[in-house]
PDB file of N, CA and C in Angstrom:
ATOM      1  N   MET A   1     106.649  99.197 104.347  1.00  0.00           N
ATOM      2  CA  MET A   1     107.007  99.505 102.972  1.00  0.00           C
ATOM      3  C   MET A   1     106.469  98.409 102.060  1.00  0.00           C
ATOM      4  N   THR A   2     106.121  98.838 100.846  1.00  0.00           N
ATOM      5  CA  THR A   2     105.633  97.904  99.839  1.00  0.00           C
ATOM      6  C   THR A   2     106.465  98.062  98.564  1.00  0.00           C
ATOM      7  N   VAL A   3     106.163  97.245  97.582  1.00  0.00           N
ATOM      8  CA  VAL A   3     106.844  97.309  96.284  1.00  0.00           C
ATOM      9  C   VAL A   3     106.717  98.709  95.685  1.00  0.00           C
ATOM     10  N   LYS A   4     105.592  99.362  95.917  1.00  0.00           N
ATOM     11  CA  LYS A   4     105.393 100.706  95.362  1.00  0.00           C
ATOM     12  C   LYS A   4     106.390 101.712  95.910  1.00  0.00           C
ATOM     13  N   GLY A   5     107.002 101.417  97.049  1.00  0.00           N
ATOM     14  CA  GLY A   5     107.981 102.305  97.645  1.00  0.00           C
ATOM     15  C   GLY A   5     109.388 102.116  97.108  1.00  0.00           C
ATOM     16  N   LEU A   6     109.570 101.135  96.235  1.00  0.00           N
ATOM     17  CA  LEU A   6     110.904 100.903  95.664  1.00  0.00           C
ATOM     18  C   LEU A   6     111.278 102.037  94.708  1.00  0.00           C
ATOM     19  N   ALA A   7     112.557 102.315  94.618  1.00  0.00           N
ATOM     20  CA  ALA A   7     113.056 103.400  93.770  1.00  0.00           C
ATOM     21  C   ALA A   7     113.061 103.028  92.283  1.00  0.00           C
ATOM     22  N   ILE A   8     112.617 101.842  91.945  1.00  0.00           N
ATOM     23  CA  ILE A   8     112.518 101.414  90.546  1.00  0.00           C
ATOM     24  C   ILE A   8     111.132 100.795  90.358  1.00  0.00           C
ATOM     25  N   ASP A   9     110.498 101.108  89.245  1.00  0.00           N
ATOM     26  CA  ASP A   9     109.143 100.594  89.033  1.00  0.00           C
ATOM     27  C   ASP A   9     109.146  99.403  88.080  1.00  0.00           C
ATOM     28  N   SER A  10     107.975  98.809  87.926  1.00  0.00           N
ATOM     29  CA  SER A  10     107.864  97.602  87.116  1.00  0.00           C
ATOM     30  C   SER A  10     108.211  97.842  85.654  1.00  0.00           C
ATOM     31  N   LEU A  11     107.872  99.018  85.133  1.00  0.00           N
ATOM     32  CA  LEU A  11     108.211  99.309  83.732  1.00  0.00           C
ATOM     33  C   LEU A  11     109.717  99.331  83.524  1.00  0.00           C
ATOM     34  N   ALA A  12     110.434  99.912  84.464  1.00  0.00           N
ATOM     35  CA  ALA A  12     111.895  99.955  84.362  1.00  0.00           C
ATOM     36  C   ALA A  12     112.481  98.554  84.475  1.00  0.00           C
ATOM     37  N   LEU A  13     111.893  97.717  85.331  1.00  0.00           N
ATOM     38  CA  LEU A  13     112.383  96.345  85.464  1.00  0.00           C
ATOM     39  C   LEU A  13     112.134  95.538  84.195  1.00  0.00           C
ATOM     40  N   MET A  14     110.963  95.722  83.582  1.00  0.00           N
ATOM     41  CA  MET A  14     110.682  95.025  82.323  1.00  0.00           C
ATOM     42  C   MET A  14     111.640  95.495  81.232  1.00  0.00           C
ATOM     43  N   ASP A  15     111.940  96.785  81.199  1.00  0.00           N
ATOM     44  CA  ASP A  15     112.884  97.326  80.231  1.00  0.00           C
ATOM     45  C   ASP A  15     114.272  96.734  80.459  1.00  0.00           C
ATOM     46  N   LEU A  16     114.676  96.679  81.714  1.00  0.00           N
ATOM     47  CA  LEU A  16     115.982  96.118  82.064  1.00  0.00           C
ATOM     48  C   LEU A  16     116.073  94.654  81.633  1.00  0.00           C
ATOM     49  N   ALA A  17     114.997  93.912  81.835  1.00  0.00           N
ATOM     50  CA  ALA A  17     114.981  92.485  81.481  1.00  0.00           C
ATOM     51  C   ALA A  17     114.766  92.261  79.987  1.00  0.00           C
ATOM     52  N   GLY A  18     114.202  93.247  79.308  1.00  0.00           N
ATOM     53  CA  GLY A  18     113.924  93.100  77.888  1.00  0.00           C
ATOM     54  C   GLY A  18     112.786  92.147  77.602  1.00  0.00           C
ATOM     55  N   ARG A  19     111.813  92.091  78.508  1.00  0.00           N
ATOM     56  CA  ARG A  19     110.669  91.206  78.303  1.00  0.00           C
ATOM     57  C   ARG A  19     109.438  91.754  79.003  1.00  0.00           C
ATOM     58  N   PRO A  20     108.270  91.270  78.603  1.00  0.00           N
ATOM     59  CA  PRO A  20     107.032  91.755  79.217  1.00  0.00           C
ATOM     60  C   PRO A  20     106.875  91.185  80.627  1.00  0.00           C
ATOM     61  N   GLY A  21     105.938  91.764  81.334  1.00  0.00           N
ATOM     62  CA  GLY A  21     105.658  91.303  82.688  1.00  0.00           C
ATOM     63  C   GLY A  21     105.179  89.867  82.717  1.00  0.00           C
ATOM     64  N   GLY A  22     105.225  89.305  83.875  1.00  0.00           N
ATOM     65  CA  GLY A  22     104.800  87.929  84.091  1.00  0.00           C
ATOM     66  C   GLY A  22     105.124  87.562  85.525  1.00  0.00           C
ATOM     67  N   PRO A  23     104.988  86.314  85.858  1.00  0.00           N
ATOM     68  CA  PRO A  23     105.274  85.889  87.232  1.00  0.00           C
ATOM     69  C   PRO A  23     106.689  86.230  87.704  1.00  0.00           C
ATOM     70  N   TRP A  24     107.622  86.236  86.786  1.00  0.00           N
ATOM     71  CA  TRP A  24     109.005  86.564  87.138  1.00  0.00           C
ATOM     72  C   TRP A  24     109.093  87.960  87.750  1.00  0.00           C
ATOM     73  N   LEU A  25     108.263  88.892  87.281  1.00  0.00           N
ATOM     74  CA  LEU A  25     108.329  90.274  87.743  1.00  0.00           C
ATOM     75  C   LEU A  25     107.953  90.373  89.220  1.00  0.00           C
ATOM     76  N   GLY A  26     106.919  89.685  89.624  1.00  0.00           N
ATOM     77  CA  GLY A  26     106.527  89.681  91.032  1.00  0.00           C
ATOM     78  C   GLY A  26     107.603  89.077  91.915  1.00  0.00           C
ATOM     79  N   ARG A  27     108.232  88.003  91.434  1.00  0.00           N
ATOM     80  CA  ARG A  27     109.317  87.383  92.212  1.00  0.00           C
ATOM     81  C   ARG A  27     110.496  88.339  92.347  1.00  0.00           C
ATOM     82  N   LEU A  28     110.809  89.035  91.266  1.00  0.00           N
ATOM     83  CA  LEU A  28     111.913  89.995  91.309  1.00  0.00           C
ATOM     84  C   LEU A  28     111.587  91.145  92.253  1.00  0.00           C
ATOM     85  N   GLN A  29     110.384  91.682  92.168  1.00  0.00           N
ATOM     86  CA  GLN A  29     110.002  92.779  93.047  1.00  0.00           C
ATOM     87  C   GLN A  29     110.045  92.342  94.512  1.00  0.00           C
ATOM     88  N   LYS A  30     109.615  91.129  94.793  1.00  0.00           N
ATOM     89  CA  LYS A  30     109.674  90.618  96.162  1.00  0.00           C
ATOM     90  C   LYS A  30     111.121  90.527  96.626  1.00  0.00           C
ATOM     91  N   HIS A  31     111.996  90.055  95.761  1.00  0.00           N
ATOM     92  CA  HIS A  31     113.422  89.954  96.080  1.00  0.00           C
ATOM     93  C   HIS A  31     113.993  91.343  96.392  1.00  0.00           C
ATOM     94  N   LEU A  32     113.663  92.315  95.557  1.00  0.00           N
ATOM     95  CA  LEU A  32     114.173  93.672  95.776  1.00  0.00           C
ATOM     96  C   LEU A  32     113.614  94.269  97.062  1.00  0.00           C
ATOM     97  N   LEU A  33     112.343  94.056  97.325  1.00  0.00           N
ATOM     98  CA  LEU A  33     111.731  94.583  98.539  1.00  0.00           C
ATOM     99  C   LEU A  33     112.393  93.985  99.777  1.00  0.00           C
ATOM    100  N   GLU A  34     112.629  92.694  99.767  1.00  0.00           N
ATOM    101  CA  GLU A  34     113.288  92.050 100.905  1.00  0.00           C
ATOM    102  C   GLU A  34     114.678  92.624 101.128  1.00  0.00           C
ATOM    103  N   ALA A  35     115.401  92.892 100.046  1.00  0.00           N
ATOM    104  CA  ALA A  35     116.738  93.474 100.167  1.00  0.00           C
ATOM    105  C   ALA A  35     116.667  94.871 100.773  1.00  0.00           C
ATOM    106  N   VAL A  36     115.685  95.661 100.345  1.00  0.00           N
ATOM    107  CA  VAL A  36     115.546  97.037 100.854  1.00  0.00           C
ATOM    108  C   VAL A  36     115.082  97.033 102.308  1.00  0.00           C
ATOM    109  N   LEU A  37     114.219  96.108 102.667  1.00  0.00           N
ATOM    110  CA  LEU A  37     113.792  96.026 104.066  1.00  0.00           C
ATOM    111  C   LEU A  37     114.972  95.680 104.970  1.00  0.00           C
ATOM    112  N   GLU A  38     115.881  94.867 104.462  1.00  0.00           N
ATOM    113  CA  GLU A  38     117.072  94.494 105.222  1.00  0.00           C
ATOM    114  C   GLU A  38     118.085  95.638 105.266  1.00  0.00           C
ATOM    115  N   ASP A  39     118.204  96.371 104.169  1.00  0.00           N
ATOM    116  CA  ASP A  39     119.150  97.490 104.078  1.00  0.00           C
ATOM    117  C   ASP A  39     118.502  98.628 103.302  1.00  0.00           C
ATOM    118  N   PRO A  40     117.836  99.562 103.997  1.00  0.00           N
ATOM    119  CA  PRO A  40     117.140 100.656 103.319  1.00  0.00           C
ATOM    120  C   PRO A  40     118.032 101.504 102.417  1.00  0.00           C
ATOM    121  N   GLY A  41     119.334 101.483 102.642  1.00  0.00           N
ATOM    122  CA  GLY A  41     120.253 102.226 101.802  1.00  0.00           C
ATOM    123  C   GLY A  41     120.302 101.725 100.368  1.00  0.00           C
ATOM    124  N   LEU A  42     119.784 100.529 100.141  1.00  0.00           N
ATOM    125  CA  LEU A  42     119.760  99.963  98.781  1.00  0.00           C
ATOM    126  C   LEU A  42     118.622 100.517  97.932  1.00  0.00           C
ATOM    127  N   ASN A  43     117.755 101.308  98.519  1.00  0.00           N
ATOM    128  CA  ASN A  43     116.591 101.807  97.776  1.00  0.00           C
ATOM    129  C   ASN A  43     116.947 103.015  96.911  1.00  0.00           C
ATOM    130  N   THR A  44     117.829 102.765  95.960  1.00  0.00           N
ATOM    131  CA  THR A  44     118.184 103.763  94.945  1.00  0.00           C
ATOM    132  C   THR A  44     118.037 103.087  93.585  1.00  0.00           C
ATOM    133  N   ASP A  45     117.816 103.876  92.576  1.00  0.00           N
ATOM    134  CA  ASP A  45     117.658 103.323  91.229  1.00  0.00           C
ATOM    135  C   ASP A  45     118.874 102.488  90.842  1.00  0.00           C
ATOM    136  N   ALA A  46     120.068 103.025  91.054  1.00  0.00           N
ATOM    137  CA  ALA A  46     121.291 102.328  90.638  1.00  0.00           C
ATOM    138  C   ALA A  46     121.473 101.017  91.389  1.00  0.00           C
ATOM    139  N   ALA A  47     121.281 101.028  92.696  1.00  0.00           N
ATOM    140  CA  ALA A  47     121.474  99.815  93.494  1.00  0.00           C
ATOM    141  C   ALA A  47     120.449  98.753  93.126  1.00  0.00           C
ATOM    142  N   LEU A  48     119.200  99.162  92.924  1.00  0.00           N
ATOM    143  CA  LEU A  48     118.165  98.193  92.579  1.00  0.00           C
ATOM    144  C   LEU A  48     118.345  97.642  91.175  1.00  0.00           C
ATOM    145  N   ARG A  49     118.834  98.460  90.253  1.00  0.00           N
ATOM    146  CA  ARG A  49     119.139  97.951  88.910  1.00  0.00           C
ATOM    147  C   ARG A  49     120.241  96.892  88.977  1.00  0.00           C
ATOM    148  N   ASP A  50     121.235  97.134  89.805  1.00  0.00           N
ATOM    149  CA  ASP A  50     122.327  96.177  89.958  1.00  0.00           C
ATOM    150  C   ASP A  50     121.811  94.878  90.570  1.00  0.00           C
ATOM    151  N   LEU A  51     121.022  94.982  91.636  1.00  0.00           N
ATOM    152  CA  LEU A  51     120.450  93.791  92.252  1.00  0.00           C
ATOM    153  C   LEU A  51     119.553  93.037  91.274  1.00  0.00           C
ATOM    154  N   ALA A  52     118.745  93.777  90.524  1.00  0.00           N
ATOM    155  CA  ALA A  52     117.841  93.154  89.556  1.00  0.00           C
ATOM    156  C   ALA A  52     118.627  92.441  88.461  1.00  0.00           C
ATOM    157  N   ALA A  53     119.665  93.068  87.972  1.00  0.00           N
ATOM    158  CA  ALA A  53     120.475  92.452  86.913  1.00  0.00           C
ATOM    159  C   ALA A  53     121.098  91.153  87.400  1.00  0.00           C
ATOM    160  N   ARG A  54     121.584  91.157  88.647  1.00  0.00           N
ATOM    161  CA  ARG A  54     122.177  89.943  89.199  1.00  0.00           C
ATOM    162  C   ARG A  54     121.127  88.858  89.394  1.00  0.00           C
ATOM    163  N   TRP A  55     119.931  89.249  89.852  1.00  0.00           N
ATOM    164  CA  TRP A  55     118.845  88.285  90.028  1.00  0.00           C
ATOM    165  C   TRP A  55     118.428  87.700  88.679  1.00  0.00           C
ATOM    166  N   LEU A  56     118.310  88.549  87.681  1.00  0.00           N
ATOM    167  CA  LEU A  56     117.919  88.084  86.347  1.00  0.00           C
ATOM    168  C   LEU A  56     118.936  87.114  85.779  1.00  0.00           C
ATOM    169  N   ALA A  57     120.208  87.369  86.036  1.00  0.00           N
ATOM    170  CA  ALA A  57     121.262  86.487  85.526  1.00  0.00           C
ATOM    171  C   ALA A  57     121.224  85.114  86.192  1.00  0.00           C
ATOM    172  N   SER A  58     120.807  85.078  87.456  1.00  0.00           N
ATOM    173  CA  SER A  58     120.820  83.812  88.172  1.00  0.00           C
ATOM    174  C   SER A  58     119.461  83.118  88.236  1.00  0.00           C
ATOM    175  N   GLU A  59     118.374  83.892  88.318  1.00  0.00           N
ATOM    176  CA  GLU A  59     117.045  83.327  88.518  1.00  0.00           C
ATOM    177  C   GLU A  59     116.156  83.460  87.282  1.00  0.00           C
ATOM    178  N   GLY A  60     116.293  84.631  86.641  1.00  0.00           N
ATOM    179  CA  GLY A  60     115.370  85.047  85.632  1.00  0.00           C
ATOM    180  C   GLY A  60     115.126  84.115  84.503  1.00  0.00           C
TER     181      GLY A  60
END
């Protein structure tokens, strides 16, 4: 599986973060991919938005 297989795309992540793409986006996508590889059940729009929001609050 790759980032393209995630249930949320980069445009949605940029919208969620309220900022344009940049290095942070690749780090976030890698974080989400690792989470989904560990638990494929997380590959839903809602779950990934929640994970992304938490990552943005702590790392972003």
